């Protein structure tokens, strides 16, 4: 009766290369780091310069101390859901300027096309929204995400990076929870769309 043939593996195949996992990590992370460097350091052609104001340094969203409707602290993952976000700080009511911004944010979410599933809209309520505002959200912006915050906490976090807290501004947050860009209410919404498309192009995250 024939015995099974035992094949001895070469010595080098028995030993796993301890550096292999690090090569995999570097291969994944390097393009992301390079893309961010290109954007934040401005190493891009003039035609692709950013339109929004770069926050330097960027702000960790956890410094905003956001809470849910049960007044429970929200973690970075709960806030971002690993997506890009347009962030708007809202008061108890929504005037014409506020409504225009919310409308523009919704249109931008459509205009990014194939990247729409990478982008979300986050309304951070600094006060409990009134009935009219709640009705507006339910009717026109039902797919917006929500969180609550203290205005003084937001202002302090912005002050840490030398930025003043102003009303009716839109911020861009990346999937890692970094608040990196902001846009004034006087800027055309196409500026925000421009920068988002640029970020989607250079970033592999989210």
C-alpha atoms as a PDB file:
ATOM      1  CA  UNK A   1       0.000   0.000   0.000  1.00  0.00           C
ATOM      2  CA  UNK A   2       1.389   3.313  -1.029  1.00  0.00           C
ATOM      3  CA  UNK A   3       2.096   5.774   1.746  1.00  0.00           C
ATOM      4  CA  UNK A   4       1.064   9.411   1.388  1.00  0.00           C
ATOM      5  CA  UNK A   5       3.881  11.503   0.097  1.00  0.00           C
ATOM      6  CA  UNK A   6       5.028  14.128   2.568  1.00  0.00           C
ATOM      7  CA  UNK A   7       6.187  17.303   0.916  1.00  0.00           C
ATOM      8  CA  UNK A   8       8.520  19.406   3.039  1.00  0.00           C
ATOM      9  CA  UNK A   9       7.882  23.130   2.633  1.00  0.00           C
ATOM     10  CA  UNK A  10      10.879  25.350   1.963  1.00  0.00           C
ATOM     11  CA  UNK A  11      12.116  27.033   5.127  1.00  0.00           C
ATOM     12  CA  UNK A  12      11.365  30.541   3.878  1.00  0.00           C
ATOM     13  CA  UNK A  13       7.701  29.712   3.192  1.00  0.00           C
ATOM     14  CA  UNK A  14       7.210  28.525   6.768  1.00  0.00           C
ATOM     15  CA  UNK A  15       8.175  31.879   8.209  1.00  0.00           C
ATOM     16  CA  UNK A  16       5.790  34.756   7.723  1.00  0.00           C
ATOM     17  CA  UNK A  17       7.316  38.079   6.903  1.00  0.00           C
ATOM     18  CA  UNK A  18       6.647  40.222  10.014  1.00  0.00           C
ATOM     19  CA  UNK A  19       6.647  43.367   7.897  1.00  0.00           C
ATOM     20  CA  UNK A  20       3.887  42.265   5.512  1.00  0.00           C
ATOM     21  CA  UNK A  21       0.981  43.689   7.590  1.00  0.00           C
ATOM     22  CA  UNK A  22       2.738  47.037   7.771  1.00  0.00           C
ATOM     23  CA  UNK A  23       3.209  47.079   3.999  1.00  0.00           C
ATOM     24  CA  UNK A  24      -0.537  46.566   3.603  1.00  0.00           C
ATOM     25  CA  UNK A  25      -1.330  49.384   6.039  1.00  0.00           C
ATOM     26  CA  UNK A  26       1.098  51.760   4.350  1.00  0.00           C
ATOM     27  CA  UNK A  27      -0.295  50.911   0.931  1.00  0.00           C
ATOM     28  CA  UNK A  28      -3.773  51.881   2.137  1.00  0.00           C
ATOM     29  CA  UNK A  29      -2.906  54.925   4.216  1.00  0.00           C
ATOM     30  CA  UNK A  30      -0.268  56.542   2.011  1.00  0.00           C
ATOM     31  CA  UNK A  31      -2.658  57.652  -0.765  1.00  0.00           C
ATOM     32  CA  UNK A  32      -5.002  59.193   1.808  1.00  0.00           C
ATOM     33  CA  UNK A  33      -2.188  61.086   3.533  1.00  0.00           C
ATOM     34  CA  UNK A  34      -0.821  62.237   0.194  1.00  0.00           C
ATOM     35  CA  UNK A  35      -4.240  63.445  -0.928  1.00  0.00           C
ATOM     36  CA  UNK A  36      -4.744  65.451   2.256  1.00  0.00           C
ATOM     37  CA  UNK A  37      -1.269  66.925   1.911  1.00  0.00           C
ATOM     38  CA  UNK A  38      -2.053  68.045  -1.617  1.00  0.00           C
ATOM     39  CA  UNK A  39      -5.250  69.707  -0.469  1.00  0.00           C
ATOM     40  CA  UNK A  40      -4.161  71.328   2.767  1.00  0.00           C
ATOM     41  CA  UNK A  41      -0.722  72.408   1.598  1.00  0.00           C
ATOM     42  CA  UNK A  42      -2.147  73.808  -1.597  1.00  0.00           C
ATOM     43  CA  UNK A  43       0.090  71.650  -3.797  1.00  0.00           C
ATOM     44  CA  UNK A  44      -2.402  71.784  -6.634  1.00  0.00           C
ATOM     45  CA  UNK A  45      -2.789  73.818  -9.816  1.00  0.00           C
ATOM     46  CA  UNK A  46      -4.249  77.318  -9.266  1.00  0.00           C
ATOM     47  CA  UNK A  47      -7.449  76.291 -11.045  1.00  0.00           C
ATOM     48  CA  UNK A  48      -8.152  73.823  -8.236  1.00  0.00           C
ATOM     49  CA  UNK A  49      -7.536  76.067  -5.225  1.00  0.00           C
ATOM     50  CA  UNK A  50     -10.096  75.740  -2.446  1.00  0.00           C
ATOM     51  CA  UNK A  51     -12.969  78.209  -2.194  1.00  0.00           C
ATOM     52  CA  UNK A  52     -13.798  77.762   1.483  1.00  0.00           C
ATOM     53  CA  UNK A  53     -11.802  78.926   4.484  1.00  0.00           C
ATOM     54  CA  UNK A  54      -9.369  76.284   5.702  1.00  0.00           C
ATOM     55  CA  UNK A  55      -9.432  75.834   9.462  1.00  0.00           C
ATOM     56  CA  UNK A  56      -5.874  75.576  10.706  1.00  0.00           C
ATOM     57  CA  UNK A  57      -5.517  73.456  12.675  1.00  0.00           C
ATOM     58  CA  UNK A  58      -8.537  71.349  11.852  1.00  0.00           C
ATOM     59  CA  UNK A  59     -11.074  70.760  14.630  1.00  0.00           C
ATOM     60  CA  UNK A  60     -11.934  67.362  16.073  1.00  0.00           C
ATOM     61  CA  UNK A  61     -15.724  67.124  16.054  1.00  0.00           C
ATOM     62  CA  UNK A  62     -15.639  65.619  19.550  1.00  0.00           C
ATOM     63  CA  UNK A  63     -14.552  69.037  20.853  1.00  0.00           C
ATOM     64  CA  UNK A  64     -18.063  70.235  19.934  1.00  0.00           C
ATOM     65  CA  UNK A  65     -19.494  67.879  22.604  1.00  0.00           C
ATOM     66  CA  UNK A  66     -22.513  66.931  20.490  1.00  0.00           C
ATOM     67  CA  UNK A  67     -25.433  65.123  22.107  1.00  0.00           C
ATOM     68  CA  UNK A  68     -28.432  63.177  20.839  1.00  0.00           C
ATOM     69  CA  UNK A  69     -32.086  63.806  21.635  1.00  0.00           C
ATOM     70  CA  UNK A  70     -31.702  61.878  24.897  1.00  0.00           C
ATOM     71  CA  UNK A  71     -28.894  64.258  25.903  1.00  0.00           C
ATOM     72  CA  UNK A  72     -26.364  61.447  25.593  1.00  0.00           C
ATOM     73  CA  UNK A  73     -22.872  62.257  24.325  1.00  0.00           C
ATOM     74  CA  UNK A  74     -22.272  61.179  20.747  1.00  0.00           C
ATOM     75  CA  UNK A  75     -19.034  59.453  19.800  1.00  0.00           C
ATOM     76  CA  UNK A  76     -17.076  60.355  16.706  1.00  0.00           C
ATOM     77  CA  UNK A  77     -18.323  57.244  14.891  1.00  0.00           C
ATOM     78  CA  UNK A  78     -21.927  57.997  15.813  1.00  0.00           C
ATOM     79  CA  UNK A  79     -21.579  61.517  14.464  1.00  0.00           C
ATOM     80  CA  UNK A  80     -19.758  60.746  11.235  1.00  0.00           C
ATOM     81  CA  UNK A  81     -21.034  57.272  10.360  1.00  0.00           C
ATOM     82  CA  UNK A  82     -17.813  57.265   8.294  1.00  0.00           C
ATOM     83  CA  UNK A  83     -19.283  59.719   5.773  1.00  0.00           C
ATOM     84  CA  UNK A  84     -18.497  63.241   4.627  1.00  0.00           C
ATOM     85  CA  UNK A  85     -20.829  65.844   6.120  1.00  0.00           C
ATOM     86  CA  UNK A  86     -22.000  69.365   5.511  1.00  0.00           C
ATOM     87  CA  UNK A  87     -22.580  70.781   8.997  1.00  0.00           C
ATOM     88  CA  UNK A  88     -24.950  73.647   9.788  1.00  0.00           C
ATOM     89  CA  UNK A  89     -25.578  75.190  13.214  1.00  0.00           C
ATOM     90  CA  UNK A  90     -29.248  76.013  13.654  1.00  0.00           C
ATOM     91  CA  UNK A  91     -31.232  78.099  16.115  1.00  0.00           C
ATOM     92  CA  UNK A  92     -34.808  77.777  17.326  1.00  0.00           C
ATOM     93  CA  UNK A  93     -36.218  79.180  14.089  1.00  0.00           C
ATOM     94  CA  UNK A  94     -35.173  79.178  10.448  1.00  0.00           C
ATOM     95  CA  UNK A  95     -35.378  82.503   8.625  1.00  0.00           C
ATOM     96  CA  UNK A  96     -35.044  83.023   4.873  1.00  0.00           C
ATOM     97  CA  UNK A  97     -31.237  82.871   5.007  1.00  0.00           C
ATOM     98  CA  UNK A  98     -31.346  79.635   6.987  1.00  0.00           C
ATOM     99  CA  UNK A  99     -33.897  78.075   4.638  1.00  0.00           C
ATOM    100  CA  UNK A 100     -31.825  79.053   1.606  1.00  0.00           C
ATOM    101  CA  UNK A 101     -28.753  77.400   3.107  1.00  0.00           C
ATOM    102  CA  UNK A 102     -30.646  74.199   3.917  1.00  0.00           C
ATOM    103  CA  UNK A 103     -32.029  74.190   0.374  1.00  0.00           C
ATOM    104  CA  UNK A 104     -28.556  74.683  -1.099  1.00  0.00           C
ATOM    105  CA  UNK A 105     -27.169  71.861   1.025  1.00  0.00           C
ATOM    106  CA  UNK A 106     -29.879  69.548  -0.277  1.00  0.00           C
ATOM    107  CA  UNK A 107     -29.161  70.561  -3.866  1.00  0.00           C
ATOM    108  CA  UNK A 108     -25.435  69.999  -3.367  1.00  0.00           C
ATOM    109  CA  UNK A 109     -26.172  66.506  -2.086  1.00  0.00           C
ATOM    110  CA  UNK A 110     -27.868  65.858  -5.423  1.00  0.00           C
ATOM    111  CA  UNK A 111     -25.289  67.700  -7.530  1.00  0.00           C
ATOM    112  CA  UNK A 112     -22.349  65.547  -6.383  1.00  0.00           C
ATOM    113  CA  UNK A 113     -23.891  62.755  -8.442  1.00  0.00           C
ATOM    114  CA  UNK A 114     -22.208  59.390  -7.980  1.00  0.00           C
ATOM    115  CA  UNK A 115     -20.671  60.626  -4.709  1.00  0.00           C
ATOM    116  CA  UNK A 116     -24.074  61.357  -3.152  1.00  0.00           C
ATOM    117  CA  UNK A 117     -23.844  58.221  -1.002  1.00  0.00           C
ATOM    118  CA  UNK A 118     -20.600  59.576   0.504  1.00  0.00           C
ATOM    119  CA  UNK A 119     -22.201  62.807   1.698  1.00  0.00           C
ATOM    120  CA  UNK A 120     -24.630  63.609   4.513  1.00  0.00           C
ATOM    121  CA  UNK A 121     -26.141  66.779   6.001  1.00  0.00           C
ATOM    122  CA  UNK A 122     -25.907  67.388   9.739  1.00  0.00           C
ATOM    123  CA  UNK A 123     -28.024  69.998  11.503  1.00  0.00           C
ATOM    124  CA  UNK A 124     -26.569  70.875  14.885  1.00  0.00           C
ATOM    125  CA  UNK A 125     -29.299  72.448  16.997  1.00  0.00           C
ATOM    126  CA  UNK A 126     -28.089  75.097  19.416  1.00  0.00           C
ATOM    127  CA  UNK A 127     -31.666  75.539  20.627  1.00  0.00           C
ATOM    128  CA  UNK A 128     -34.714  73.322  20.483  1.00  0.00           C
ATOM    129  CA  UNK A 129     -36.329  73.959  17.086  1.00  0.00           C
ATOM    130  CA  UNK A 130     -39.753  75.582  17.188  1.00  0.00           C
ATOM    131  CA  UNK A 131     -42.852  74.023  15.659  1.00  0.00           C
ATOM    132  CA  UNK A 132     -42.526  75.849  12.340  1.00  0.00           C
ATOM    133  CA  UNK A 133     -38.890  74.826  12.000  1.00  0.00           C
ATOM    134  CA  UNK A 134     -39.716  71.224  12.884  1.00  0.00           C
ATOM    135  CA  UNK A 135     -42.472  71.213  10.271  1.00  0.00           C
ATOM    136  CA  UNK A 136     -40.094  72.638   7.656  1.00  0.00           C
ATOM    137  CA  UNK A 137     -37.509  69.952   8.379  1.00  0.00           C
ATOM    138  CA  UNK A 138     -40.095  67.169   8.259  1.00  0.00           C
ATOM    139  CA  UNK A 139     -41.491  68.404   4.945  1.00  0.00           C
ATOM    140  CA  UNK A 140     -38.422  69.590   3.042  1.00  0.00           C
ATOM    141  CA  UNK A 141     -35.400  67.975   4.684  1.00  0.00           C
ATOM    142  CA  UNK A 142     -36.517  64.662   6.227  1.00  0.00           C
ATOM    143  CA  UNK A 143     -33.239  62.903   5.429  1.00  0.00           C
ATOM    144  CA  UNK A 144     -31.047  65.396   7.316  1.00  0.00           C
ATOM    145  CA  UNK A 145     -29.184  64.123  10.379  1.00  0.00           C
ATOM    146  CA  UNK A 146     -29.431  65.880  13.738  1.00  0.00           C
ATOM    147  CA  UNK A 147     -27.398  66.565  16.870  1.00  0.00           C
ATOM    148  CA  UNK A 148     -27.513  69.082  19.700  1.00  0.00           C
ATOM    149  CA  UNK A 149     -24.826  71.363  21.102  1.00  0.00           C
ATOM    150  CA  UNK A 150     -24.136  74.327  23.337  1.00  0.00           C
ATOM    151  CA  UNK A 151     -23.332  77.526  21.442  1.00  0.00           C
ATOM    152  CA  UNK A 152     -20.634  78.531  23.935  1.00  0.00           C
ATOM    153  CA  UNK A 153     -18.888  75.175  23.494  1.00  0.00           C
ATOM    154  CA  UNK A 154     -18.898  75.549  19.714  1.00  0.00           C
ATOM    155  CA  UNK A 155     -17.587  79.113  19.947  1.00  0.00           C
ATOM    156  CA  UNK A 156     -14.797  78.020  22.308  1.00  0.00           C
ATOM    157  CA  UNK A 157     -13.726  75.183  19.995  1.00  0.00           C
ATOM    158  CA  UNK A 158     -13.536  77.575  17.056  1.00  0.00           C
ATOM    159  CA  UNK A 159     -11.695  80.168  19.106  1.00  0.00           C
ATOM    160  CA  UNK A 160      -9.011  77.564  19.821  1.00  0.00           C
ATOM    161  CA  UNK A 161      -8.081  77.690  16.132  1.00  0.00           C
ATOM    162  CA  UNK A 162      -8.489  81.460  15.863  1.00  0.00           C
ATOM    163  CA  UNK A 163     -11.874  81.307  14.163  1.00  0.00           C
ATOM    164  CA  UNK A 164     -14.916  83.358  15.129  1.00  0.00           C
ATOM    165  CA  UNK A 165     -18.285  81.633  15.466  1.00  0.00           C
ATOM    166  CA  UNK A 166     -20.677  83.230  12.985  1.00  0.00           C
ATOM    167  CA  UNK A 167     -24.251  82.330  12.109  1.00  0.00           C
ATOM    168  CA  UNK A 168     -25.397  80.835   8.813  1.00  0.00           C
ATOM    169  CA  UNK A 169     -22.111  79.196   7.907  1.00  0.00           C
ATOM    170  CA  UNK A 170     -21.623  75.695   6.538  1.00  0.00           C
ATOM    171  CA  UNK A 171     -18.724  73.481   7.587  1.00  0.00           C
ATOM    172  CA  UNK A 172     -17.247  70.414   5.908  1.00  0.00           C
ATOM    173  CA  UNK A 173     -16.437  67.441   8.110  1.00  0.00           C
ATOM    174  CA  UNK A 174     -14.507  64.453   6.792  1.00  0.00           C
ATOM    175  CA  UNK A 175     -15.339  60.797   7.619  1.00  0.00           C
ATOM    176  CA  UNK A 176     -12.732  60.848  10.408  1.00  0.00           C
ATOM    177  CA  UNK A 177     -14.508  63.662  12.251  1.00  0.00           C
ATOM    178  CA  UNK A 178     -12.219  66.510  11.205  1.00  0.00           C
ATOM    179  CA  UNK A 179     -13.887  69.896  10.707  1.00  0.00           C
ATOM    180  CA  UNK A 180     -11.706  71.348   7.983  1.00  0.00           C
ATOM    181  CA  UNK A 181     -13.467  73.977   5.882  1.00  0.00           C
ATOM    182  CA  UNK A 182     -16.173  76.571   6.326  1.00  0.00           C
ATOM    183  CA  UNK A 183     -18.226  78.746   4.006  1.00  0.00           C
ATOM    184  CA  UNK A 184     -19.982  82.038   4.742  1.00  0.00           C
ATOM    185  CA  UNK A 185     -23.625  82.645   3.879  1.00  0.00           C
ATOM    186  CA  UNK A 186     -22.513  85.152   1.229  1.00  0.00           C
ATOM    187  CA  UNK A 187     -20.557  82.575  -0.744  1.00  0.00           C
ATOM    188  CA  UNK A 188     -22.307  80.965  -3.719  1.00  0.00           C
ATOM    189  CA  UNK A 189     -23.211  77.357  -3.032  1.00  0.00           C
ATOM    190  CA  UNK A 190     -21.117  76.370  -6.045  1.00  0.00           C
ATOM    191  CA  UNK A 191     -18.017  77.169  -3.967  1.00  0.00           C
ATOM    192  CA  UNK A 192     -19.005  74.457  -1.516  1.00  0.00           C
ATOM    193  CA  UNK A 193     -19.788  72.069  -4.358  1.00  0.00           C
ATOM    194  CA  UNK A 194     -16.397  72.827  -5.916  1.00  0.00           C
ATOM    195  CA  UNK A 195     -14.469  71.945  -2.761  1.00  0.00           C
ATOM    196  CA  UNK A 196     -16.507  68.818  -2.071  1.00  0.00           C
ATOM    197  CA  UNK A 197     -15.911  67.506  -5.578  1.00  0.00           C
ATOM    198  CA  UNK A 198     -12.232  68.212  -5.140  1.00  0.00           C
ATOM    199  CA  UNK A 199     -12.121  66.338  -1.825  1.00  0.00           C
ATOM    200  CA  UNK A 200     -14.030  63.385  -3.256  1.00  0.00           C
ATOM    201  CA  UNK A 201     -11.537  63.213  -6.090  1.00  0.00           C
ATOM    202  CA  UNK A 202      -8.401  63.191  -3.943  1.00  0.00           C
ATOM    203  CA  UNK A 203      -9.726  61.203  -0.978  1.00  0.00           C
ATOM    204  CA  UNK A 204     -10.371  57.470  -0.811  1.00  0.00           C
ATOM    205  CA  UNK A 205     -12.135  57.560   2.553  1.00  0.00           C
ATOM    206  CA  UNK A 206     -15.841  57.843   3.171  1.00  0.00           C
END
